[in-house]
Amino acid sequence: MTSYRTAAVGALLGALPCLFTALATQPAQAHGAPTDPVSRTFACSPEGGGAARSAACRAAQAANGPEAADWDNLRIAGVAGEDRERVPDGKLCSGGLEAYRGLDLARADWPSTRLSAGADLTLTYRSTIPHTGTFELYLTKEGYDPARPLKWSDLEAKPFATAKDPALVDDAYRIKATLPAGRTGRQLLYTIWRNTSTPDTYYSCSDVVLGAAAPSPDAPSSEAANPPSRAAAPPFRGAAAASRAASADPATSATSEEDDGDSTPVLLAGGASVLVLGAGVVATVRRRRPSR
């Protein structure tokens, strides 16, 4: 019996170098989505905290396929700039992918982020692998109705901001921009990330509630400077805090708030692990699904 055990241990130890080599040579995978302003795919994922328990996210989860739990994997290969030809009207938030179809539900209570029209914006786009590519940010037009399926014609023809090959710092790209003025209430920020180091294009929808630009310190205060949202759920308040916490320490948890005020930790720590056991060696790595 001892000889069999010795042989088994020897075989396992001999195989470990090959296993570690295979893990090290897995192809680089570009994954990502906005976390601030929070995107639907992240808010409704297992990492979305309290937002994932909102009515809109529960409806999306019921309609989605199991793959939608991978909030950073909403991508299409080989689009080559032909977004409007490849992604049908009414399916912009899912990118036309059946697994993410719940993100296209037309409703006015998606978790949202409160912003000011005409103000500066820093969009935080979480990712785990640095890749080259261009980000394009679009905003819906005044008069956008969230209770109707999103169409390409609801977006401005040109992005209000672009960023080419930004640096990946602390697992996130940060895109600085200025929001268009003249928008109020519930709108949608649509982000397209066109990879150039991979054939993939990523699509994401971030629901926002826009108030008028804040008045100057000398101007009298007025409720008109920050009007309430139209038929909107309370804005998602944890995205900025979560992004800052993750930037400072990827293993740090942040807190998001639900509509009822309860708070839930949101883990933004990324990582990949596979459990490898052998002769007292234990390594933990979380394996991602290979790129399609």
Protein backbone atom coordinates (compact mmCIF):
# COMPACT_ATOMS: atom_id res chain seq x y z
CA MET A 1 0.00 0.00 0.00
CA THR A 2 2.85 2.31 0.91
CA SER A 3 4.47 1.79 -2.47
CA TYR A 4 1.23 2.71 -4.25
CA ARG A 5 0.92 5.90 -2.20
CA THR A 6 4.52 6.79 -2.87
CA ALA A 7 4.03 6.27 -6.59
CA ALA A 8 0.83 8.37 -6.58
CA VAL A 9 2.51 11.24 -4.74
CA GLY A 10 5.47 11.07 -7.09
CA ALA A 11 3.20 11.19 -10.13
CA LEU A 12 1.31 14.20 -8.74
CA LEU A 13 4.51 16.06 -7.95
CA GLY A 14 5.79 15.31 -11.43
CA ALA A 15 2.60 16.71 -12.96
CA LEU A 16 2.57 19.94 -10.95
CA PRO A 17 5.13 21.77 -13.12
CA CYS A 18 3.04 21.03 -16.21
CA LEU A 19 -0.11 22.19 -14.46
CA PHE A 20 1.44 25.47 -13.35
CA THR A 21 2.85 26.01 -16.82
CA ALA A 22 -0.60 25.50 -18.33
CA LEU A 23 -2.12 28.01 -15.92
CA ALA A 24 0.59 30.56 -16.66
CA THR A 25 0.08 30.28 -20.40
CA GLN A 26 -3.69 30.82 -20.41
CA PRO A 27 -4.52 33.50 -22.99
CA ALA A 28 -4.98 37.04 -21.71
CA GLN A 29 -8.63 37.93 -21.39
CA ALA A 30 -10.04 41.46 -21.59
CA HIS A 31 -13.02 41.84 -19.33
CA GLY A 32 -14.71 44.93 -17.95
CA ALA A 33 -17.71 47.16 -17.35
CA PRO A 34 -18.42 50.52 -15.69
CA THR A 35 -18.86 50.52 -11.92
CA ASP A 36 -19.25 54.30 -11.58
CA PRO A 37 -21.70 55.39 -12.89
CA VAL A 38 -22.84 51.87 -12.10
CA SER A 39 -23.76 49.77 -15.13
CA ARG A 40 -26.75 47.44 -15.19
CA THR A 41 -24.56 44.41 -15.72
CA PHE A 42 -22.49 45.16 -12.60
CA ALA A 43 -25.37 46.37 -10.41
CA CYS A 44 -27.35 43.19 -11.09
CA SER A 45 -24.41 40.82 -10.68
CA PRO A 46 -23.53 38.84 -7.54
CA GLU A 47 -21.11 41.66 -6.74
CA GLY A 48 -23.78 44.38 -6.99
CA GLY A 49 -24.61 44.38 -3.30
CA GLY A 50 -27.95 45.94 -2.38
CA ALA A 51 -28.56 47.06 -5.96
CA ALA A 52 -28.69 43.43 -7.07
CA ARG A 53 -31.79 42.99 -4.90
CA SER A 54 -33.69 45.86 -6.50
CA ALA A 55 -36.90 45.07 -8.36
CA ALA A 56 -35.31 45.84 -11.74
CA CYS A 57 -32.32 43.59 -11.09
CA ARG A 58 -34.50 40.76 -9.84
CA ALA A 59 -36.51 40.97 -13.07
CA ALA A 60 -33.29 41.03 -15.11
CA GLN A 61 -31.87 38.05 -13.25
CA ALA A 62 -35.04 36.08 -13.93
CA ALA A 63 -34.78 36.80 -17.66
CA ASN A 64 -30.99 36.39 -18.01
CA GLY A 65 -29.06 33.24 -18.64
CA PRO A 66 -26.57 31.98 -16.02
CA GLU A 67 -23.68 33.51 -17.99
CA ALA A 68 -24.91 36.99 -17.03
CA ALA A 69 -23.36 36.51 -13.59
CA ASP A 70 -20.10 37.34 -15.41
CA TRP A 71 -20.73 41.09 -15.35
CA ASP A 72 -17.43 41.81 -17.12
CA ASN A 73 -18.00 39.58 -20.13
CA LEU A 74 -20.65 41.36 -22.21
CA ARG A 75 -18.77 41.52 -25.51
CA ILE A 76 -19.05 40.69 -29.21
CA ALA A 77 -16.15 39.66 -31.43
CA GLY A 78 -15.53 41.03 -34.90
CA VAL A 79 -17.90 44.01 -34.80
CA ALA A 80 -15.32 46.24 -36.53
CA GLY A 81 -17.24 49.44 -35.81
CA GLU A 82 -20.54 48.21 -37.26
CA ASP A 83 -22.42 48.49 -33.97
CA ARG A 84 -25.76 49.52 -35.44
CA GLU A 85 -25.67 46.67 -37.90
CA ARG A 86 -24.73 44.03 -35.32
CA VAL A 87 -26.77 45.19 -32.30
CA PRO A 88 -30.54 45.53 -32.95
CA ASP A 89 -32.71 48.33 -31.58
CA GLY A 90 -34.15 47.37 -28.23
CA LYS A 91 -31.12 45.21 -27.42
CA LEU A 92 -28.40 47.78 -26.88
CA CYS A 93 -27.84 47.00 -23.20
CA SER A 94 -27.43 43.28 -23.83
CA GLY A 95 -25.39 43.79 -26.99
CA GLY A 96 -27.92 41.46 -28.60
CA LEU A 97 -26.61 38.56 -26.48
CA GLU A 98 -29.38 36.23 -25.34
CA ALA A 99 -27.67 35.49 -22.01
CA TYR A 100 -27.93 39.18 -21.03
CA ARG A 101 -31.43 39.83 -22.40
CA GLY A 102 -32.74 40.92 -18.98
CA LEU A 103 -30.63 44.08 -19.18
CA ASP A 104 -32.87 45.33 -22.03
CA LEU A 105 -36.04 45.44 -19.91
CA ALA A 106 -37.73 48.81 -20.44
CA ARG A 107 -38.41 50.19 -16.97
CA ALA A 108 -37.73 53.36 -14.99
CA ASP A 109 -36.43 51.84 -11.75
CA TRP A 110 -32.98 50.56 -12.69
CA PRO A 111 -30.29 51.31 -10.07
CA SER A 112 -28.95 54.72 -11.07
CA THR A 113 -26.30 57.29 -10.23
CA ARG A 114 -27.13 60.95 -9.59
CA LEU A 115 -25.06 63.43 -11.62
CA SER A 116 -25.28 67.07 -12.70
CA ALA A 117 -25.81 68.06 -16.32
CA GLY A 118 -22.87 69.97 -17.75
CA ALA A 119 -20.59 68.86 -14.89
CA ASP A 120 -17.28 67.03 -15.02
CA LEU A 121 -17.45 63.24 -14.95
CA THR A 122 -14.90 60.52 -14.27
CA LEU A 123 -16.20 57.18 -15.49
CA THR A 124 -14.62 54.24 -13.71
CA TYR A 125 -14.41 51.15 -15.92
CA ARG A 126 -13.27 48.07 -14.04
CA SER A 127 -11.02 45.60 -15.85
CA THR A 128 -8.43 43.00 -14.92
CA ILE A 129 -6.15 42.87 -17.96
CA PRO A 130 -4.62 45.93 -19.65
CA HIS A 131 -5.59 46.23 -23.31
CA THR A 132 -5.44 48.88 -25.96
CA GLY A 133 -8.61 50.30 -27.40
CA THR A 134 -10.95 53.27 -27.54
CA PHE A 135 -13.79 54.16 -25.20
CA GLU A 136 -16.81 56.04 -26.53
CA LEU A 137 -19.40 57.62 -24.22
CA TYR A 138 -22.90 58.44 -25.44
CA LEU A 139 -25.80 60.08 -23.62
CA THR A 140 -29.48 59.74 -24.42
CA LYS A 141 -31.28 62.74 -25.88
CA GLU A 142 -33.63 64.99 -23.94
CA GLY A 143 -37.04 63.33 -24.00
CA TYR A 144 -35.62 59.82 -23.57
CA ASP A 145 -38.25 57.51 -22.08
CA PRO A 146 -36.79 54.67 -19.97
CA ALA A 147 -40.14 52.86 -20.13
CA ARG A 148 -39.55 52.17 -23.84
CA PRO A 149 -36.91 49.86 -25.36
CA LEU A 150 -33.65 51.71 -25.99
CA LYS A 151 -32.94 52.42 -29.67
CA TRP A 152 -29.89 53.78 -31.42
CA SER A 153 -31.93 56.86 -32.31
CA ASP A 154 -32.30 57.60 -28.57
CA LEU A 155 -28.55 58.29 -28.43
CA GLU A 156 -26.71 61.25 -29.86
CA ALA A 157 -25.12 60.45 -33.22
CA LYS A 158 -21.62 61.16 -31.87
CA PRO A 159 -20.07 60.38 -28.49
CA PHE A 160 -19.70 63.29 -26.08
CA ALA A 161 -16.34 61.87 -25.00
CA THR A 162 -13.71 59.42 -26.25
CA ALA A 163 -10.51 58.05 -24.74
CA LYS A 164 -7.86 56.10 -26.61
CA ASP A 165 -5.59 53.64 -24.81
CA PRO A 166 -6.06 54.98 -21.25
CA ALA A 167 -3.86 53.45 -18.56
CA LEU A 168 -5.19 50.64 -16.40
CA VAL A 169 -4.54 51.77 -12.81
CA ASP A 170 -5.62 49.69 -9.81
CA ASP A 171 -7.73 47.45 -12.04
CA ALA A 172 -9.69 50.31 -13.59
CA TYR A 173 -9.69 52.72 -16.49
CA ARG A 174 -10.81 56.23 -15.58
CA ILE A 175 -12.30 58.29 -18.37
CA LYS A 176 -12.56 62.03 -17.74
CA ALA A 177 -15.30 63.91 -19.57
CA THR A 178 -17.84 66.73 -19.30
CA LEU A 179 -21.48 65.75 -19.41
CA PRO A 180 -23.66 67.55 -21.98
CA ALA A 181 -25.82 70.33 -20.58
CA GLY A 182 -29.55 70.66 -21.16
CA ARG A 183 -30.55 67.22 -19.89
CA THR A 184 -32.63 66.55 -16.80
CA GLY A 185 -34.16 63.58 -15.06
CA ARG A 186 -33.50 59.96 -15.87
CA GLN A 187 -31.11 59.41 -18.76
CA LEU A 188 -28.79 56.63 -19.89
CA LEU A 189 -25.03 56.72 -20.40
CA TYR A 190 -24.02 54.19 -23.06
CA THR A 191 -20.39 53.07 -23.16
CA ILE A 192 -18.68 51.27 -26.02
CA TRP A 193 -15.16 49.90 -25.58
CA ARG A 194 -13.56 48.90 -28.86
CA ASN A 195 -10.52 46.71 -28.19
CA THR A 196 -7.66 46.90 -30.63
CA SER A 197 -5.53 44.21 -28.98
CA THR A 198 -8.45 41.76 -29.14
CA PRO A 199 -11.32 41.45 -31.66
CA ASP A 200 -13.91 42.28 -28.97
CA THR A 201 -16.25 45.22 -28.51
CA TYR A 202 -17.93 45.75 -25.13
CA TYR A 203 -21.30 47.45 -24.54
CA SER A 204 -22.77 48.74 -21.29
CA CYS A 205 -25.70 50.80 -20.01
CA SER A 206 -25.40 53.04 -16.94
CA ASP A 207 -28.62 54.63 -15.73
CA VAL A 208 -28.17 58.18 -14.42
CA VAL A 209 -30.42 60.86 -12.94
CA LEU A 210 -29.33 64.30 -14.09
CA GLY A 211 -30.00 67.46 -12.15
CA ALA A 212 -29.24 70.97 -13.37
CA ALA A 213 -25.68 72.15 -12.89
CA ALA A 214 -25.00 73.32 -9.34
CA PRO A 215 -25.33 77.10 -8.91
CA SER A 216 -22.31 79.29 -8.19
CA PRO A 217 -21.64 80.09 -4.52
CA ASP A 218 -23.07 83.60 -5.03
CA ALA A 219 -26.33 82.37 -6.53
CA PRO A 220 -29.40 81.88 -4.29
CA SER A 221 -30.29 78.30 -3.49
CA SER A 222 -33.25 76.76 -5.31
CA GLU A 223 -34.81 73.33 -5.58
CA ALA A 224 -34.73 73.88 -9.34
CA ALA A 225 -30.96 73.41 -9.21
CA ASN A 226 -31.47 69.76 -8.36
CA PRO A 227 -34.93 68.58 -9.44
CA PRO A 228 -36.18 65.15 -8.41
CA SER A 229 -35.93 62.33 -10.92
CA ARG A 230 -38.92 61.38 -13.08
CA ALA A 231 -40.50 58.12 -11.94
CA ALA A 232 -37.10 56.91 -10.85
CA ALA A 233 -35.92 54.60 -8.13
CA PRO A 234 -33.54 56.16 -5.58
CA PRO A 235 -30.11 56.55 -7.23
CA PHE A 236 -27.44 53.95 -6.56
CA ARG A 237 -25.19 55.58 -3.98
CA GLY A 238 -22.52 52.97 -3.51
CA ALA A 239 -20.76 52.97 -6.88
CA ALA A 240 -18.38 55.85 -6.25
CA ALA A 241 -17.46 54.59 -2.80
CA ALA A 242 -16.98 51.07 -4.13
CA SER A 243 -14.76 52.26 -6.96
CA ARG A 244 -12.64 54.37 -4.61
CA ALA A 245 -12.29 51.52 -2.14
CA ALA A 246 -11.33 49.07 -4.87
CA SER A 247 -8.80 51.52 -6.28
CA ALA A 248 -7.13 51.89 -2.90
CA ASP A 249 -7.12 48.18 -2.12
CA PRO A 250 -8.61 45.54 -4.46
CA ALA A 251 -9.32 43.32 -1.45
CA THR A 252 -11.31 46.01 0.34
CA SER A 253 -15.08 45.84 0.57
CA ALA A 254 -17.33 48.86 0.09
CA THR A 255 -20.94 49.47 1.01
CA SER A 256 -23.92 50.13 -1.19
CA GLU A 257 -27.39 51.08 0.01
CA GLU A 258 -30.70 49.52 -0.89
CA ASP A 259 -33.94 51.41 -1.28
CA ASP A 260 -34.84 50.48 2.29
CA GLY A 261 -31.58 51.82 3.65
CA ASP A 262 -29.98 48.47 4.44
CA SER A 263 -26.32 48.23 3.61
CA THR A 264 -24.52 45.29 2.08
CA PRO A 265 -20.77 44.80 1.47
CA VAL A 266 -19.78 44.94 -2.20
CA LEU A 267 -16.61 43.02 -2.98
CA LEU A 268 -14.77 44.49 -5.91
CA ALA A 269 -11.70 42.37 -5.48
CA GLY A 270 -10.87 40.69 -8.75
CA GLY A 271 -8.87 37.53 -9.07
CA ALA A 272 -8.77 34.15 -10.64
CA SER A 273 -8.37 30.93 -8.75
CA VAL A 274 -8.17 27.19 -9.21
CA LEU A 275 -7.63 24.88 -6.22
CA VAL A 276 -4.47 22.88 -6.67
CA LEU A 277 -3.60 20.26 -4.06
CA GLY A 278 -0.42 18.27 -3.95
CA ALA A 279 2.15 17.19 -1.35
CA GLY A 280 1.37 20.05 1.01
CA VAL A 281 1.10 22.66 -1.76
CA VAL A 282 -2.18 24.62 -1.90
CA ALA A 283 -2.68 27.43 -4.40
CA THR A 284 -5.98 29.20 -4.94
CA VAL A 285 -6.76 30.80 -8.27
CA ARG A 286 -10.17 31.51 -9.81
CA ARG A 287 -10.33 30.40 -13.48
CA ARG A 288 -12.23 32.66 -15.90
CA ARG A 289 -14.12 31.23 -18.86
CA PRO A 290 -11.87 31.33 -21.96
CA SER A 291 -12.48 34.15 -24.41
CA ARG A 292 -14.84 33.32 -27.21
